[in-house]
C-alpha atoms as a PDB file:
ATOM      1  CA  MET A   1     -17.429 -26.778  -1.765  1.00  0.00           C
ATOM      2  CA  SER A   2     -19.083 -23.618  -3.067  1.00  0.00           C
ATOM      3  CA  LYS A   3     -15.729 -22.224  -4.191  1.00  0.00           C
ATOM      4  CA  LEU A   4     -15.166 -25.323  -6.302  1.00  0.00           C
ATOM      5  CA  SER A   5     -18.611 -25.110  -7.915  1.00  0.00           C
ATOM      6  CA  ASN A   6     -18.106 -21.390  -8.609  1.00  0.00           C
ATOM      7  CA  LEU A   7     -14.773 -22.184 -10.205  1.00  0.00           C
ATOM      8  CA  GLU A   8     -16.333 -24.883 -12.361  1.00  0.00           C
ATOM      9  CA  LYS A   9     -19.021 -22.435 -13.490  1.00  0.00           C
ATOM     10  CA  ARG A  10     -16.395 -19.862 -14.431  1.00  0.00           C
ATOM     11  CA  VAL A  11     -14.383 -22.446 -16.359  1.00  0.00           C
ATOM     12  CA  ALA A  12     -17.494 -23.550 -18.263  1.00  0.00           C
ATOM     13  CA  LYS A  13     -18.331 -19.956 -19.113  1.00  0.00           C
ATOM     14  CA  LEU A  14     -14.806 -19.263 -20.355  1.00  0.00           C
ATOM     15  CA  GLU A  15     -14.859 -22.416 -22.475  1.00  0.00           C
ATOM     16  CA  LYS A  16     -18.098 -21.241 -24.111  1.00  0.00           C
ATOM     17  CA  GLU A  17     -16.577 -17.817 -24.824  1.00  0.00           C
ATOM     18  CA  LEU A  18     -13.460 -19.441 -26.263  1.00  0.00           C
ATOM     19  CA  ALA A  19     -15.552 -21.677 -28.519  1.00  0.00           C
ATOM     20  CA  ALA A  20     -17.553 -18.656 -29.691  1.00  0.00           C
ATOM     21  CA  LEU A  21     -14.360 -16.769 -30.519  1.00  0.00           C
ATOM     22  CA  LYS A  22     -12.960 -19.742 -32.454  1.00  0.00           C
ATOM     23  CA  ARG A  23     -16.187 -19.972 -34.484  1.00  0.00           C
ATOM     24  CA  GLY A  24     -15.830 -16.302 -35.325  1.00  0.00           C
ATOM     25  CA  ASP A  25     -19.081 -15.120 -33.780  1.00  0.00           C
ATOM     26  CA  SER A  26     -19.231 -11.352 -33.941  1.00  0.00           C
ATOM     27  CA  THR A  27     -21.312 -11.062 -30.765  1.00  0.00           C
ATOM     28  CA  PRO A  28     -19.224 -11.670 -27.668  1.00  0.00           C
ATOM     29  CA  ALA A  29     -20.754 -12.845 -24.415  1.00  0.00           C
ATOM     30  CA  THR A  30     -22.848 -10.256 -22.603  1.00  0.00           C
ATOM     31  CA  HIS A  31     -20.614 -10.205 -19.524  1.00  0.00           C
ATOM     32  CA  SER A  32     -16.978 -11.076 -19.565  1.00  0.00           C
ATOM     33  CA  VAL A  33     -15.007 -11.918 -16.470  1.00  0.00           C
ATOM     34  CA  THR A  34     -12.982  -8.708 -16.596  1.00  0.00           C
ATOM     35  CA  GLU A  35     -16.036  -6.460 -16.783  1.00  0.00           C
ATOM     36  CA  LYS A  36     -17.731  -8.004 -13.758  1.00  0.00           C
ATOM     37  CA  LYS A  37     -17.567  -5.697 -10.773  1.00  0.00           C
ATOM     38  CA  GLY A  38     -18.968  -6.854  -7.499  1.00  0.00           C
ATOM     39  CA  LYS A  39     -18.764  -5.844  -3.891  1.00  0.00           C
ATOM     40  CA  LYS A  40     -15.614  -6.790  -2.047  1.00  0.00           C
ATOM     41  CA  SER A  41     -16.076  -9.180   0.803  1.00  0.00           C
ATOM     42  CA  LYS A  42     -15.397  -7.934   4.288  1.00  0.00           C
ATOM     43  CA  LYS A  43     -12.503 -10.377   4.632  1.00  0.00           C
ATOM     44  CA  ASN A  44     -10.529  -8.612   1.906  1.00  0.00           C
ATOM     45  CA  GLN A  45     -11.080  -5.089   3.202  1.00  0.00           C
ATOM     46  CA  THR A  46      -8.489  -3.745   5.603  1.00  0.00           C
ATOM     47  CA  LYS A  47      -9.068  -1.036   8.159  1.00  0.00           C
ATOM     48  CA  LYS A  48      -6.873   2.025   7.944  1.00  0.00           C
ATOM     49  CA  LYS A  49      -4.774   2.502  11.027  1.00  0.00           C
ATOM     50  CA  LYS A  50      -4.048   5.877  12.555  1.00  0.00           C
ATOM     51  CA  LYS A  51      -0.451   7.026  12.509  1.00  0.00           C
ATOM     52  CA  ARG A  52       1.314   6.873  15.836  1.00  0.00           C
ATOM     53  CA  LYS A  53       2.373  10.127  17.441  1.00  0.00           C
ATOM     54  CA  ILE A  54       6.045  10.985  17.028  1.00  0.00           C
ATOM     55  CA  ASN A  55       7.857  10.884  20.361  1.00  0.00           C
ATOM     56  CA  LYS A  56       9.344  14.036  21.850  1.00  0.00           C
ATOM     57  CA  TYR A  57      12.934  13.251  20.775  1.00  0.00           C
ATOM     58  CA  PHE A  58      11.927  12.863  17.133  1.00  0.00           C
ATOM     59  CA  GLN A  59       9.832  16.033  17.230  1.00  0.00           C
ATOM     60  CA  MET A  60      12.830  18.013  18.471  1.00  0.00           C
ATOM     61  CA  MET A  61      15.228  16.285  16.068  1.00  0.00           C
ATOM     62  CA  LEU A  62      13.042  16.963  13.035  1.00  0.00           C
ATOM     63  CA  ALA A  63      12.573  20.601  14.061  1.00  0.00           C
ATOM     64  CA  ALA A  64      16.345  21.004  14.356  1.00  0.00           C
ATOM     65  CA  LYS A  65      16.861  19.237  11.048  1.00  0.00           C
ATOM     66  CA  LYS A  66      14.394  21.512   9.236  1.00  0.00           C
ATOM     67  CA  ALA A  67      15.995  24.603  10.749  1.00  0.00           C
ATOM     68  CA  GLY A  68      19.468  23.310   9.869  1.00  0.00           C
ATOM     69  CA  GLU A  69      20.682  23.618  13.467  1.00  0.00           C
ATOM     70  CA  PRO A  70      24.042  21.974  14.241  1.00  0.00           C
ATOM     71  CA  SER A  71      22.779  20.615  17.598  1.00  0.00           C
ATOM     72  CA  PHE A  72      19.778  20.380  19.916  1.00  0.00           C
ATOM     73  CA  VAL A  73      19.202  19.542  23.582  1.00  0.00           C
ATOM     74  CA  TYR A  74      16.791  16.856  24.771  1.00  0.00           C
ATOM     75  CA  ASN A  75      16.462  15.542  28.343  1.00  0.00           C
ATOM     76  CA  GLY A  76      19.660  17.270  29.391  1.00  0.00           C
ATOM     77  CA  HIS A  77      21.708  15.643  26.614  1.00  0.00           C
ATOM     78  CA  THR A  78      23.148  17.536  23.675  1.00  0.00           C
ATOM     79  CA  TYR A  79      22.817  15.891  20.273  1.00  0.00           C
ATOM     80  CA  LYS A  80      25.309  17.130  17.682  1.00  0.00           C
ATOM     81  CA  GLY A  81      24.618  16.871  13.991  1.00  0.00           C
ATOM     82  CA  THR A  82      26.846  15.982  11.075  1.00  0.00           C
ATOM     83  CA  LYS A  83      25.976  16.612   7.450  1.00  0.00           C
ATOM     84  CA  HIS A  84      24.934  13.577   5.449  1.00  0.00           C
ATOM     85  CA  PRO A  85      24.670  13.656   1.632  1.00  0.00           C
ATOM     86  CA  ARG A  86      21.366  11.789   1.454  1.00  0.00           C
ATOM     87  CA  LEU A  87      19.765  12.261   4.895  1.00  0.00           C
ATOM     88  CA  GLY A  88      20.633  15.911   5.448  1.00  0.00           C
ATOM     89  CA  MET A  89      21.679  15.905   9.102  1.00  0.00           C
ATOM     90  CA  VAL A  90      22.369  12.927  11.355  1.00  0.00           C
ATOM     91  CA  TYR A  91      22.346  13.615  15.099  1.00  0.00           C
ATOM     92  CA  ARG A  92      24.357  11.743  17.749  1.00  0.00           C
ATOM     93  CA  LYS A  93      24.821  12.098  21.482  1.00  0.00           C
ATOM     94  CA  GLY A  94      27.978  13.935  22.262  1.00  0.00           C
END
């Protein structure tokens, strides 16, 4: 119910400002809707999440990619890389 009454108040205020502008008053309202800055409610604020740690495979793959290595070994498997025009290197088991 309070949201509706707040909305009605805002509409009334805007109608008054519109009427004043149509009359040609040189003094605009003291506070316009766009200038009003208030505190954000806690509902609208989001908490920043921590980034997850990169798993061991990705750590090794990114290190190999940065070094430009053609392959790397992880968990006893060899991953061979092929050049990719946009991604740089793409590694596959093989």
